[in-house]
Amino acid sequence: MSEVTPNVAKTNTEPLFITDNAIKQIKKLQSANDQMSLPLRIFVQAGGCKGLSYGLMFDDQPLEDGDVQFEKNGITFVVDSESIRYLKGATVDYEENLIGGGFKVRNPNASKTCGCGSSFKACG
């Protein structure tokens, strides 16, 4: 019996841009949580005040059919086939301010965003 391999698109081009600040913070989180070998999954899910919200997680699950995988500065990123429609061309950044820091997504595919920047409404 042969094992089925998921249809995963590995690309040398970044479908979304990850800033140097985001890379530094991701590496800190990987190290602090002993997750150095796990890819970071970036996704969109239903929720938030505008209908869709962003998510990031170190993913220990097998890749799924349609996943897009790319690497930057030694970090592997994975985006599922549904989320890539909303994230193509977006920028993931990490910003510090007076009340803390967090990941921010600047998304050209968003027609509206909430004040905190964690949810959005897609164009169209």
PDB file of N, CA and C in Angstrom:
ATOM      1  N   MET A   1       0.842  -1.168   0.000  1.00  0.00           N
ATOM      2  CA  MET A   1       0.000   0.000   0.000  1.00  0.00           C
ATOM      3  C   MET A   1       0.891   1.236   0.000  1.00  0.00           C
ATOM      4  N   SER A   2       0.644   2.162  -0.910  1.00  0.00           N
ATOM      5  CA  SER A   2       1.475   3.355  -0.984  1.00  0.00           C
ATOM      6  C   SER A   2       0.839   4.500  -0.198  1.00  0.00           C
ATOM      7  N   GLU A   3       1.705   5.345   0.341  1.00  0.00           N
ATOM      8  CA  GLU A   3       1.256   6.483   1.119  1.00  0.00           C
ATOM      9  C   GLU A   3       0.938   7.633   0.164  1.00  0.00           C
ATOM     10  N   VAL A   4      -0.167   8.333   0.424  1.00  0.00           N
ATOM     11  CA  VAL A   4      -0.559   9.458  -0.413  1.00  0.00           C
ATOM     12  C   VAL A   4       0.173  10.698   0.077  1.00  0.00           C
ATOM     13  N   THR A   5       0.850  11.366  -0.839  1.00  0.00           N
ATOM     14  CA  THR A   5       1.564  12.597  -0.515  1.00  0.00           C
ATOM     15  C   THR A   5       0.681  13.770  -0.895  1.00  0.00           C
ATOM     16  N   PRO A   6       0.491  14.743   0.021  1.00  0.00           N
ATOM     17  CA  PRO A   6      -0.355  15.879  -0.326  1.00  0.00           C
ATOM     18  C   PRO A   6       0.273  16.721  -1.432  1.00  0.00           C
ATOM     19  N   ASN A   7      -0.592  17.378  -2.185  1.00  0.00           N
ATOM     20  CA  ASN A   7      -0.158  18.261  -3.257  1.00  0.00           C
ATOM     21  C   ASN A   7       0.193  19.609  -2.639  1.00  0.00           C
ATOM     22  N   VAL A   8       1.481  19.822  -2.375  1.00  0.00           N
ATOM     23  CA  VAL A   8       1.967  21.035  -1.722  1.00  0.00           C
ATOM     24  C   VAL A   8       2.801  21.828  -2.715  1.00  0.00           C
ATOM     25  N   ALA A   9       2.494  23.108  -2.819  1.00  0.00           N
ATOM     26  CA  ALA A   9       3.264  23.976  -3.717  1.00  0.00           C
ATOM     27  C   ALA A   9       4.409  24.593  -2.931  1.00  0.00           C
ATOM     28  N   LYS A  10       5.641  24.234  -3.290  1.00  0.00           N
ATOM     29  CA  LYS A  10       6.822  24.860  -2.702  1.00  0.00           C
ATOM     30  C   LYS A  10       7.275  25.933  -3.678  1.00  0.00           C
ATOM     31  N   THR A  11       7.469  27.127  -3.157  1.00  0.00           N
ATOM     32  CA  THR A  11       7.810  28.237  -4.030  1.00  0.00           C
ATOM     33  C   THR A  11       9.044  28.968  -3.535  1.00  0.00           C
ATOM     34  N   ASN A  12       9.831  29.466  -4.456  1.00  0.00           N
ATOM     35  CA  ASN A  12      10.999  30.267  -4.112  1.00  0.00           C
ATOM     36  C   ASN A  12      10.649  31.740  -3.988  1.00  0.00           C
ATOM     37  N   THR A  13       9.457  32.096  -4.456  1.00  0.00           N
ATOM     38  CA  THR A  13       9.002  33.473  -4.307  1.00  0.00           C
ATOM     39  C   THR A  13       8.043  33.544  -3.132  1.00  0.00           C
ATOM     40  N   GLU A  14       8.035  34.674  -2.455  1.00  0.00           N
ATOM     41  CA  GLU A  14       7.171  34.829  -1.285  1.00  0.00           C
ATOM     42  C   GLU A  14       5.784  35.276  -1.730  1.00  0.00           C
ATOM     43  N   PRO A  15       4.742  34.477  -1.442  1.00  0.00           N
ATOM     44  CA  PRO A  15       3.386  34.907  -1.780  1.00  0.00           C
ATOM     45  C   PRO A  15       2.926  36.067  -0.892  1.00  0.00           C
ATOM     46  N   LEU A  16       3.578  36.207   0.260  1.00  0.00           N
ATOM     47  CA  LEU A  16       3.372  37.360   1.119  1.00  0.00           C
ATOM     48  C   LEU A  16       4.720  37.740   1.702  1.00  0.00           C
ATOM     49  N   PHE A  17       4.860  38.989   2.092  1.00  0.00           N
ATOM     50  CA  PHE A  17       6.147  39.494   2.549  1.00  0.00           C
ATOM     51  C   PHE A  17       6.231  39.414   4.068  1.00  0.00           C
ATOM     52  N   ILE A  18       7.331  38.916   4.586  1.00  0.00           N
ATOM     53  CA  ILE A  18       7.580  38.828   6.022  1.00  0.00           C
ATOM     54  C   ILE A  18       8.721  39.794   6.328  1.00  0.00           C
ATOM     55  N   THR A  19       8.484  40.790   7.170  1.00  0.00           N
ATOM     56  CA  THR A  19       9.519  41.790   7.453  1.00  0.00           C
ATOM     57  C   THR A  19      10.615  41.213   8.341  1.00  0.00           C
ATOM     58  N   ASP A  20      11.747  41.913   8.371  1.00  0.00           N
ATOM     59  CA  ASP A  20      12.857  41.498   9.236  1.00  0.00           C
ATOM     60  C   ASP A  20      12.461  41.519  10.705  1.00  0.00           C
ATOM     61  N   ASN A  21      11.648  42.502  11.120  1.00  0.00           N
ATOM     62  CA  ASN A  21      11.176  42.549  12.512  1.00  0.00           C
ATOM     63  C   ASN A  21      10.344  41.315  12.850  1.00  0.00           C
ATOM     64  N   ALA A  22       9.488  40.904  11.917  1.00  0.00           N
ATOM     65  CA  ALA A  22       8.672  39.709  12.135  1.00  0.00           C
ATOM     66  C   ALA A  22       9.559  38.465  12.222  1.00  0.00           C
ATOM     67  N   ILE A  23      10.554  38.368  11.336  1.00  0.00           N
ATOM     68  CA  ILE A  23      11.473  37.223  11.347  1.00  0.00           C
ATOM     69  C   ILE A  23      12.172  37.129  12.701  1.00  0.00           C
ATOM     70  N   LYS A  24      12.686  38.253  13.198  1.00  0.00           N
ATOM     71  CA  LYS A  24      13.379  38.252  14.498  1.00  0.00           C
ATOM     72  C   LYS A  24      12.464  37.755  15.607  1.00  0.00           C
ATOM     73  N   GLN A  25      11.222  38.231  15.628  1.00  0.00           N
ATOM     74  CA  GLN A  25      10.292  37.832  16.679  1.00  0.00           C
ATOM     75  C   GLN A  25       9.891  36.362  16.551  1.00  0.00           C
ATOM     76  N   ILE A  26       9.689  35.895  15.332  1.00  0.00           N
ATOM     77  CA  ILE A  26       9.342  34.486  15.113  1.00  0.00           C
ATOM     78  C   ILE A  26      10.474  33.588  15.611  1.00  0.00           C
ATOM     79  N   LYS A  27      11.714  33.963  15.312  1.00  0.00           N
ATOM     80  CA  LYS A  27      12.854  33.172  15.787  1.00  0.00           C
ATOM     81  C   LYS A  27      12.930  33.167  17.311  1.00  0.00           C
ATOM     82  N   LYS A  28      12.646  34.299  17.954  1.00  0.00           N
ATOM     83  CA  LYS A  28      12.614  34.349  19.426  1.00  0.00           C
ATOM     84  C   LYS A  28      11.548  33.408  19.970  1.00  0.00           C
ATOM     85  N   LEU A  29      10.372  33.428  19.361  1.00  0.00           N
ATOM     86  CA  LEU A  29       9.282  32.561  19.812  1.00  0.00           C
ATOM     87  C   LEU A  29       9.601  31.087  19.576  1.00  0.00           C
ATOM     88  N   GLN A  30      10.192  30.786  18.428  1.00  0.00           N
ATOM     89  CA  GLN A  30      10.586  29.400  18.151  1.00  0.00           C
ATOM     90  C   GLN A  30      11.557  28.906  19.208  1.00  0.00           C
ATOM     91  N   SER A  31      12.543  29.714  19.519  1.00  0.00           N
ATOM     92  CA  SER A  31      13.572  29.332  20.486  1.00  0.00           C
ATOM     93  C   SER A  31      12.987  29.202  21.894  1.00  0.00           C
ATOM     94  N   ALA A  32      12.198  30.169  22.299  1.00  0.00           N
ATOM     95  CA  ALA A  32      11.621  30.179  23.650  1.00  0.00           C
ATOM     96  C   ALA A  32      10.660  29.011  23.869  1.00  0.00           C
ATOM     97  N   ASN A  33      10.008  28.555  22.808  1.00  0.00           N
ATOM     98  CA  ASN A  33       9.011  27.490  22.924  1.00  0.00           C
ATOM     99  C   ASN A  33       9.499  26.148  22.386  1.00  0.00           C
ATOM    100  N   ASP A  34      10.807  26.039  22.119  1.00  0.00           N
ATOM    101  CA  ASP A  34      11.405  24.811  21.601  1.00  0.00           C
ATOM    102  C   ASP A  34      10.660  24.317  20.356  1.00  0.00           C
ATOM    103  N   GLN A  35      10.422  25.243  19.421  1.00  0.00           N
ATOM    104  CA  GLN A  35       9.676  24.942  18.202  1.00  0.00           C
ATOM    105  C   GLN A  35      10.519  25.183  16.945  1.00  0.00           C
ATOM    106  N   MET A  36      11.835  25.104  17.066  1.00  0.00           N
ATOM    107  CA  MET A  36      12.728  25.479  15.971  1.00  0.00           C
ATOM    108  C   MET A  36      12.481  24.716  14.668  1.00  0.00           C
ATOM    109  N   SER A  37      12.001  23.498  14.745  1.00  0.00           N
ATOM    110  CA  SER A  37      11.846  22.705  13.525  1.00  0.00           C
ATOM    111  C   SER A  37      10.455  22.817  12.902  1.00  0.00           C
ATOM    112  N   LEU A  38       9.537  23.504  13.575  1.00  0.00           N
ATOM    113  CA  LEU A  38       8.166  23.570  13.067  1.00  0.00           C
ATOM    114  C   LEU A  38       7.952  24.766  12.149  1.00  0.00           C
ATOM    115  N   PRO A  39       7.180  24.580  11.086  1.00  0.00           N
ATOM    116  CA  PRO A  39       6.848  25.711  10.224  1.00  0.00           C
ATOM    117  C   PRO A  39       5.828  26.618  10.908  1.00  0.00           C
ATOM    118  N   LEU A  40       5.801  27.874  10.485  1.00  0.00           N
ATOM    119  CA  LEU A  40       4.792  28.811  10.967  1.00  0.00           C
ATOM    120  C   LEU A  40       3.668  28.843   9.948  1.00  0.00           C
ATOM    121  N   ARG A  41       2.476  28.472  10.397  1.00  0.00           N
ATOM    122  CA  ARG A  41       1.303  28.509   9.526  1.00  0.00           C
ATOM    123  C   ARG A  41       0.643  29.877   9.689  1.00  0.00           C
ATOM    124  N   ILE A  42       0.411  30.538   8.581  1.00  0.00           N
ATOM    125  CA  ILE A  42      -0.289  31.821   8.556  1.00  0.00           C
ATOM    126  C   ILE A  42      -1.635  31.552   7.893  1.00  0.00           C
ATOM    127  N   PHE A  43      -2.722  31.975   8.539  1.00  0.00           N
ATOM    128  CA  PHE A  43      -4.036  31.620   8.017  1.00  0.00           C
ATOM    129  C   PHE A  43      -5.063  32.720   8.254  1.00  0.00           C
ATOM    130  N   VAL A  44      -6.183  32.580   7.571  1.00  0.00           N
ATOM    131  CA  VAL A  44      -7.337  33.446   7.727  1.00  0.00           C
ATOM    132  C   VAL A  44      -8.480  32.545   8.163  1.00  0.00           C
ATOM    133  N   GLN A  45      -9.267  33.043   9.129  1.00  0.00           N
ATOM    134  CA  GLN A  45     -10.416  32.277   9.592  1.00  0.00           C
ATOM    135  C   GLN A  45     -11.600  33.218   9.798  1.00  0.00           C
ATOM    136  N   ALA A  46     -12.789  32.661   9.843  1.00  0.00           N
ATOM    137  CA  ALA A  46     -13.981  33.456  10.113  1.00  0.00           C
ATOM    138  C   ALA A  46     -13.902  33.973  11.547  1.00  0.00           C
ATOM    139  N   GLY A  47     -14.258  35.242  11.721  1.00  0.00           N
ATOM    140  CA  GLY A  47     -14.272  35.818  13.062  1.00  0.00           C
ATOM    141  C   GLY A  47     -13.808  37.254  13.062  1.00  0.00           C
ATOM    142  N   GLY A  48     -13.853  37.862  14.211  1.00  0.00           N
ATOM    143  CA  GLY A  48     -13.463  39.257  14.339  1.00  0.00           C
ATOM    144  C   GLY A  48     -14.613  40.179  13.975  1.00  0.00           C
ATOM    145  N   CYS A  49     -14.440  41.448  14.260  1.00  0.00           N
ATOM    146  CA  CYS A  49     -15.523  42.407  14.047  1.00  0.00           C
ATOM    147  C   CYS A  49     -15.791  42.708  12.576  1.00  0.00           C
ATOM    148  N   LYS A  50     -14.885  42.377  11.680  1.00  0.00           N
ATOM    149  CA  LYS A  50     -15.080  42.622  10.247  1.00  0.00           C
ATOM    150  C   LYS A  50     -15.371  41.345   9.463  1.00  0.00           C
ATOM    151  N   GLY A  51     -15.409  40.199  10.130  1.00  0.00           N
ATOM    152  CA  GLY A  51     -15.800  38.956   9.465  1.00  0.00           C
ATOM    153  C   GLY A  51     -14.702  37.936   9.262  1.00  0.00           C
ATOM    154  N   LEU A  52     -13.458  38.392   9.070  1.00  0.00           N
ATOM    155  CA  LEU A  52     -12.324  37.490   8.898  1.00  0.00           C
ATOM    156  C   LEU A  52     -11.198  37.942   9.808  1.00  0.00           C
ATOM    157  N   SER A  53     -10.436  36.992  10.326  1.00  0.00           N
ATOM    158  CA  SER A  53      -9.311  37.364  11.182  1.00  0.00           C
ATOM    159  C   SER A  53      -8.072  36.555  10.798  1.00  0.00           C
ATOM    160  N   TYR A  54      -6.923  37.106  11.165  1.00  0.00           N
ATOM    161  CA  TYR A  54      -5.637  36.486  10.870  1.00  0.00           C
ATOM    162  C   TYR A  54      -5.227  35.566  12.009  1.00  0.00           C
ATOM    163  N   GLY A  55      -4.465  34.529  11.671  1.00  0.00           N
ATOM    164  CA  GLY A  55      -3.918  33.640  12.685  1.00  0.00           C
ATOM    165  C   GLY A  55      -2.509  33.202  12.323  1.00  0.00           C
ATOM    166  N   LEU A  56      -1.712  32.962  13.350  1.00  0.00           N
ATOM    167  CA  LEU A  56      -0.346  32.458  13.207  1.00  0.00           C
ATOM    168  C   LEU A  56      -0.158  31.354  14.231  1.00  0.00           C
ATOM    169  N   MET A  57       0.450  30.238  13.824  1.00  0.00           N
ATOM    170  CA  MET A  57       0.742  29.181  14.789  1.00  0.00           C
ATOM    171  C   MET A  57       1.860  28.292  14.263  1.00  0.00           C
ATOM    172  N   PHE A  58       2.671  27.794  15.201  1.00  0.00           N
ATOM    173  CA  PHE A  58       3.642  26.777  14.834  1.00  0.00           C
ATOM    174  C   PHE A  58       2.855  25.494  14.639  1.00  0.00           C
ATOM    175  N   ASP A  59       3.042  24.857  13.492  1.00  0.00           N
ATOM    176  CA  ASP A  59       2.175  23.761  13.086  1.00  0.00           C
ATOM    177  C   ASP A  59       2.923  22.436  13.075  1.00  0.00           C
ATOM    178  N   ASP A  60       2.476  21.518  13.922  1.00  0.00           N
ATOM    179  CA  ASP A  60       3.098  20.199  13.974  1.00  0.00           C
ATOM    180  C   ASP A  60       2.292  19.153  13.200  1.00  0.00           C
ATOM    181  N   GLN A  61       1.276  19.610  12.461  1.00  0.00           N
ATOM    182  CA  GLN A  61       0.443  18.698  11.687  1.00  0.00           C
ATOM    183  C   GLN A  61       1.035  18.507  10.287  1.00  0.00           C
ATOM    184  N   PRO A  62       0.735  17.373   9.656  1.00  0.00           N
ATOM    185  CA  PRO A  62       1.224  17.150   8.285  1.00  0.00           C
ATOM    186  C   PRO A  62       0.665  18.209   7.334  1.00  0.00           C
ATOM    187  N   LEU A  63       1.419  18.491   6.282  1.00  0.00           N
ATOM    188  CA  LEU A  63       0.939  19.425   5.272  1.00  0.00           C
ATOM    189  C   LEU A  63      -0.316  18.874   4.618  1.00  0.00           C
ATOM    190  N   GLU A  64      -1.171  19.776   4.175  1.00  0.00           N
ATOM    191  CA  GLU A  64      -2.434  19.392   3.552  1.00  0.00           C
ATOM    192  C   GLU A  64      -2.410  19.701   2.066  1.00  0.00           C
ATOM    193  N   ASP A  65      -3.277  19.041   1.318  1.00  0.00           N
ATOM    194  CA  ASP A  65      -3.421  19.308  -0.101  1.00  0.00           C
ATOM    195  C   ASP A  65      -3.653  20.798  -0.331  1.00  0.00           C
ATOM    196  N   GLY A  66      -2.918  21.375  -1.253  1.00  0.00           N
ATOM    197  CA  GLY A  66      -3.107  22.780  -1.604  1.00  0.00           C
ATOM    198  C   GLY A  66      -2.307  23.762  -0.781  1.00  0.00           C
ATOM    199  N   ASP A  67      -1.620  23.299   0.262  1.00  0.00           N
ATOM    200  CA  ASP A  67      -0.794  24.203   1.061  1.00  0.00           C
ATOM    201  C   ASP A  67       0.306  24.813   0.196  1.00  0.00           C
ATOM    202  N   VAL A  68       0.628  26.063   0.474  1.00  0.00           N
ATOM    203  CA  VAL A  68       1.744  26.745  -0.177  1.00  0.00           C
ATOM    204  C   VAL A  68       2.831  26.881   0.874  1.00  0.00           C
ATOM    205  N   GLN A  69       4.042  26.456   0.547  1.00  0.00           N
ATOM    206  CA  GLN A  69       5.151  26.458   1.494  1.00  0.00           C
ATOM    207  C   GLN A  69       6.291  27.290   0.915  1.00  0.00           C
ATOM    208  N   PHE A  70       6.849  28.189   1.753  1.00  0.00           N
ATOM    209  CA  PHE A  70       8.015  28.967   1.328  1.00  0.00           C
ATOM    210  C   PHE A  70       8.913  29.189   2.534  1.00  0.00           C
ATOM    211  N   GLU A  71      10.147  29.565   2.253  1.00  0.00           N
ATOM    212  CA  GLU A  71      11.134  29.744   3.312  1.00  0.00           C
ATOM    213  C   GLU A  71      11.739  31.138   3.230  1.00  0.00           C
ATOM    214  N   LYS A  72      11.994  31.704   4.393  1.00  0.00           N
ATOM    215  CA  LYS A  72      12.707  32.975   4.465  1.00  0.00           C
ATOM    216  C   LYS A  72      13.576  32.955   5.716  1.00  0.00           C
ATOM    217  N   ASN A  73      14.866  33.249   5.546  1.00  0.00           N
ATOM    218  CA  ASN A  73      15.834  33.330   6.656  1.00  0.00           C
ATOM    219  C   ASN A  73      15.780  32.115   7.573  1.00  0.00           C
ATOM    220  N   GLY A  74      15.639  30.936   6.976  1.00  0.00           N
ATOM    221  CA  GLY A  74      15.662  29.705   7.753  1.00  0.00           C
ATOM    222  C   GLY A  74      14.345  29.319   8.401  1.00  0.00           C
ATOM    223  N   ILE A  75      13.295  30.091   8.173  1.00  0.00           N
ATOM    224  CA  ILE A  75      11.977  29.764   8.723  1.00  0.00           C
ATOM    225  C   ILE A  75      11.093  29.284   7.579  1.00  0.00           C
ATOM    226  N   THR A  76      10.413  28.170   7.797  1.00  0.00           N
ATOM    227  CA  THR A  76       9.465  27.664   6.815  1.00  0.00           C
ATOM    228  C   THR A  76       8.082  28.197   7.161  1.00  0.00           C
ATOM    229  N   PHE A  77       7.407  28.730   6.156  1.00  0.00           N
ATOM    230  CA  PHE A  77       6.051  29.252   6.306  1.00  0.00           C
ATOM    231  C   PHE A  77       5.107  28.401   5.477  1.00  0.00           C
ATOM    232  N   VAL A  78       3.888  28.228   5.971  1.00  0.00           N
ATOM    233  CA  VAL A  78       2.865  27.465   5.272  1.00  0.00           C
ATOM    234  C   VAL A  78       1.574  28.281   5.291  1.00  0.00           C
ATOM    235  N   VAL A  79       0.926  28.339   4.129  1.00  0.00           N
ATOM    236  CA  VAL A  79      -0.367  29.005   3.998  1.00  0.00           C
ATOM    237  C   VAL A  79      -1.293  28.046   3.269  1.00  0.00           C
ATOM    238  N   ASP A  80      -2.501  27.848   3.802  1.00  0.00           N
ATOM    239  CA  ASP A  80      -3.442  26.931   3.150  1.00  0.00           C
ATOM    240  C   ASP A  80      -4.032  27.574   1.892  1.00  0.00           C
ATOM    241  N   SER A  81      -4.610  26.744   1.049  1.00  0.00           N
ATOM    242  CA  SER A  81      -5.089  27.190  -0.264  1.00  0.00           C
ATOM    243  C   SER A  81      -6.216  28.213  -0.162  1.00  0.00           C
ATOM    244  N   GLU A  82      -7.038  28.151   0.849  1.00  0.00           N
ATOM    245  CA  GLU A  82      -8.118  29.126   1.020  1.00  0.00           C
ATOM    246  C   GLU A  82      -7.564  30.468   1.500  1.00  0.00           C
ATOM    247  N   SER A  83      -6.668  30.435   2.463  1.00  0.00           N
ATOM    248  CA  SER A  83      -6.110  31.662   3.033  1.00  0.00           C
ATOM    249  C   SER A  83      -5.242  32.424   2.048  1.00  0.00           C
ATOM    250  N   ILE A  84      -4.569  31.717   1.150  1.00  0.00           N
ATOM    251  CA  ILE A  84      -3.662  32.391   0.227  1.00  0.00           C
ATOM    252  C   ILE A  84      -4.421  33.382  -0.653  1.00  0.00           C
ATOM    253  N   ARG A  85      -5.694  33.113  -0.913  1.00  0.00           N
ATOM    254  CA  ARG A  85      -6.508  34.052  -1.709  1.00  0.00           C
ATOM    255  C   ARG A  85      -6.597  35.414  -1.030  1.00  0.00           C
ATOM    256  N   TYR A  86      -6.674  35.407   0.292  1.00  0.00           N
ATOM    257  CA  TYR A  86      -6.803  36.646   1.058  1.00  0.00           C
ATOM    258  C   TYR A  86      -5.453  37.273   1.396  1.00  0.00           C
ATOM    259  N   LEU A  87      -4.395  36.477   1.426  1.00  0.00           N
ATOM    260  CA  LEU A  87      -3.099  36.945   1.920  1.00  0.00           C
ATOM    261  C   LEU A  87      -2.085  37.285   0.830  1.00  0.00           C
ATOM    262  N   LYS A  88      -2.344  36.907  -0.406  1.00  0.00           N
ATOM    263  CA  LYS A  88      -1.367  37.148  -1.477  1.00  0.00           C
ATOM    264  C   LYS A  88      -1.049  38.644  -1.559  1.00  0.00           C
ATOM    265  N   GLY A  89       0.234  38.964  -1.439  1.00  0.00           N
ATOM    266  CA  GLY A  89       0.680  40.343  -1.499  1.00  0.00           C
ATOM    267  C   GLY A  89       0.664  41.080  -0.173  1.00  0.00           C
ATOM    268  N   ALA A  90       0.218  40.426   0.896  1.00  0.00           N
ATOM    269  CA  ALA A  90       0.168  41.064   2.218  1.00  0.00           C
ATOM    270  C   ALA A  90       1.559  41.109   2.854  1.00  0.00           C
ATOM    271  N   THR A  91       1.704  41.950   3.858  1.00  0.00           N
ATOM    272  CA  THR A  91       2.948  42.068   4.614  1.00  0.00           C
ATOM    273  C   THR A  91       2.672  41.711   6.066  1.00  0.00           C
ATOM    274  N   VAL A  92       3.463  40.787   6.610  1.00  0.00           N
ATOM    275  CA  VAL A  92       3.390  40.435   8.033  1.00  0.00           C
ATOM    276  C   VAL A  92       4.561  41.131   8.717  1.00  0.00           C
ATOM    277  N   ASP A  93       4.251  41.920   9.746  1.00  0.00           N
ATOM    278  CA  ASP A  93       5.258  42.694  10.461  1.00  0.00           C
ATOM    279  C   ASP A  93       5.084  42.460  11.956  1.00  0.00           C
ATOM    280  N   TYR A  94       6.100  42.834  12.714  1.00  0.00           N
ATOM    281  CA  TYR A  94       6.012  42.834  14.171  1.00  0.00           C
ATOM    282  C   TYR A  94       6.322  44.248  14.623  1.00  0.00           C
ATOM    283  N   GLU A  95       5.427  44.821  15.422  1.00  0.00           N
ATOM    284  CA  GLU A  95       5.590  46.202  15.872  1.00  0.00           C
ATOM    285  C   GLU A  95       5.517  46.274  17.383  1.00  0.00           C
ATOM    286  N   GLU A  96       6.375  47.090  17.941  1.00  0.00           N
ATOM    287  CA  GLU A  96       6.372  47.387  19.378  1.00  0.00           C
ATOM    288  C   GLU A  96       5.760  48.765  19.571  1.00  0.00           C
ATOM    289  N   ASN A  97       4.977  48.933  20.660  1.00  0.00           N
ATOM    290  CA  ASN A  97       4.471  50.250  21.019  1.00  0.00           C
ATOM    291  C   ASN A  97       4.451  50.372  22.542  1.00  0.00           C
ATOM    292  N   LEU A  98       3.893  51.431  23.064  1.00  0.00           N
ATOM    293  CA  LEU A  98       3.927  51.676  24.507  1.00  0.00           C
ATOM    294  C   LEU A  98       3.190  50.619  25.323  1.00  0.00           C
ATOM    295  N   ILE A  99       2.203  49.965  24.744  1.00  0.00           N
ATOM    296  CA  ILE A  99       1.445  48.975  25.504  1.00  0.00           C
ATOM    297  C   ILE A  99       1.798  47.535  25.137  1.00  0.00           C
ATOM    298  N   GLY A 100       2.895  47.363  24.447  1.00  0.00           N
ATOM    299  CA  GLY A 100       3.339  46.017  24.093  1.00  0.00           C
ATOM    300  C   GLY A 100       3.663  45.906  22.623  1.00  0.00           C
ATOM    301  N   GLY A 101       3.640  44.698  22.136  1.00  0.00           N
ATOM    302  CA  GLY A 101       3.956  44.465  20.738  1.00  0.00           C
ATOM    303  C   GLY A 101       3.077  43.378  20.175  1.00  0.00           C
ATOM    304  N   GLY A 102       3.121  43.248  18.881  1.00  0.00           N
ATOM    305  CA  GLY A 102       2.336  42.199  18.255  1.00  0.00           C
ATOM    306  C   GLY A 102       2.556  42.153  16.755  1.00  0.00           C
ATOM    307  N   PHE A 103       2.112  41.059  16.176  1.00  0.00           N
ATOM    308  CA  PHE A 103       2.188  40.896  14.732  1.00  0.00           C
ATOM    309  C   PHE A 103       1.057  41.683  14.088  1.00  0.00           C
ATOM    310  N   LYS A 104       1.373  42.329  12.994  1.00  0.00           N
ATOM    311  CA  LYS A 104       0.400  43.112  12.231  1.00  0.00           C
ATOM    312  C   LYS A 104       0.447  42.653  10.783  1.00  0.00           C
ATOM    313  N   VAL A 105      -0.713  42.615  10.157  1.00  0.00           N
ATOM    314  CA  VAL A 105      -0.792  42.252   8.743  1.00  0.00           C
ATOM    315  C   VAL A 105      -1.320  43.466   7.980  1.00  0.00           C
ATOM    316  N   ARG A 106      -0.539  43.915   7.017  1.00  0.00           N
ATOM    317  CA  ARG A 106      -0.988  44.962   6.098  1.00  0.00           C
ATOM    318  C   ARG A 106      -1.382  44.250   4.811  1.00  0.00           C
ATOM    319  N   ASN A 107      -2.669  44.328   4.512  1.00  0.00           N
ATOM    320  CA  ASN A 107      -3.223  43.479   3.469  1.00  0.00           C
ATOM    321  C   ASN A 107      -3.885  44.304   2.359  1.00  0.00           C
ATOM    322  N   PRO A 108      -3.337  44.260   1.143  1.00  0.00           N
ATOM    323  CA  PRO A 108      -3.952  44.997   0.040  1.00  0.00           C
ATOM    324  C   PRO A 108      -5.291  44.408  -0.400  1.00  0.00           C
ATOM    325  N   ASN A 109      -5.618  43.211   0.078  1.00  0.00           N
ATOM    326  CA  ASN A 109      -6.871  42.547  -0.282  1.00  0.00           C
ATOM    327  C   ASN A 109      -8.006  42.882   0.684  1.00  0.00           C
ATOM    328  N   ALA A 110      -7.726  43.679   1.705  1.00  0.00           N
ATOM    329  CA  ALA A 110      -8.738  44.040   2.700  1.00  0.00           C
ATOM    330  C   ALA A 110      -9.411  45.353   2.296  1.00  0.00           C
ATOM    331  N   SER A 111     -10.738  45.340   2.250  1.00  0.00           N
ATOM    332  CA  SER A 111     -11.457  46.573   1.941  1.00  0.00           C
ATOM    333  C   SER A 111     -11.708  47.385   3.204  1.00  0.00           C
ATOM    334  N   LYS A 112     -11.792  46.710   4.353  1.00  0.00           N
ATOM    335  CA  LYS A 112     -11.970  47.371   5.648  1.00  0.00           C
ATOM    336  C   LYS A 112     -11.213  46.573   6.699  1.00  0.00           C
ATOM    337  N   THR A 113     -10.646  47.275   7.674  1.00  0.00           N
ATOM    338  CA  THR A 113      -9.975  46.602   8.795  1.00  0.00           C
ATOM    339  C   THR A 113     -10.520  47.181  10.093  1.00  0.00           C
ATOM    340  N   CYS A 114     -10.389  46.421  11.171  1.00  0.00           N
ATOM    341  CA  CYS A 114     -10.810  46.923  12.464  1.00  0.00           C
ATOM    342  C   CYS A 114      -9.693  47.796  13.048  1.00  0.00           C
ATOM    343  N   GLY A 115      -9.996  48.489  14.112  1.00  0.00           N
ATOM    344  CA  GLY A 115      -9.024  49.386  14.740  1.00  0.00           C
ATOM    345  C   GLY A 115      -7.780  48.675  15.225  1.00  0.00           C
ATOM    346  N   CYS A 116      -7.912  47.450  15.709  1.00  0.00           N
ATOM    347  CA  CYS A 116      -6.743  46.728  16.235  1.00  0.00           C
ATOM    348  C   CYS A 116      -5.949  46.061  15.122  1.00  0.00           C
ATOM    349  N   GLY A 117      -6.518  45.957  13.922  1.00  0.00           N
ATOM    350  CA  GLY A 117      -5.802  45.389  12.795  1.00  0.00           C
ATOM    351  C   GLY A 117      -5.798  43.873  12.725  1.00  0.00           C
ATOM    352  N   SER A 118      -6.551  43.207  13.591  1.00  0.00           N
ATOM    353  CA  SER A 118      -6.520  41.746  13.579  1.00  0.00           C
ATOM    354  C   SER A 118      -7.676  41.126  12.780  1.00  0.00           C
ATOM    355  N   SER A 119      -8.651  41.943  12.370  1.00  0.00           N
ATOM    356  CA  SER A 119      -9.705  41.397  11.520  1.00  0.00           C
ATOM    357  C   SER A 119      -9.928  42.331  10.338  1.00  0.00           C
ATOM    358  N   PHE A 120     -10.559  41.777   9.297  1.00  0.00           N
ATOM    359  CA  PHE A 120     -10.728  42.534   8.066  1.00  0.00           C
ATOM    360  C   PHE A 120     -11.913  42.019   7.268  1.00  0.00           C
ATOM    361  N   LYS A 121     -12.331  42.836   6.319  1.00  0.00           N
ATOM    362  CA  LYS A 121     -13.320  42.435   5.334  1.00  0.00           C
ATOM    363  C   LYS A 121     -12.603  42.403   3.993  1.00  0.00           C
ATOM    364  N   ALA A 122     -12.799  41.328   3.250  1.00  0.00           N
ATOM    365  CA  ALA A 122     -12.095  41.169   1.975  1.00  0.00           C
ATOM    366  C   ALA A 122     -12.737  42.024   0.897  1.00  0.00           C
ATOM    367  N   CYS A 123     -11.907  42.456  -0.046  1.00  0.00           N
ATOM    368  CA  CYS A 123     -12.404  43.198  -1.209  1.00  0.00           C
ATOM    369  C   CYS A 123     -13.321  42.298  -2.018  1.00  0.00           C
ATOM    370  N   GLY A 124     -14.295  42.922  -2.669  1.00  0.00           N
ATOM    371  CA  GLY A 124     -15.149  42.167  -3.577  1.00  0.00           C
ATOM    372  C   GLY A 124     -16.319  41.639  -2.979  1.00  0.00           C
TER     373      GLY A 124
END
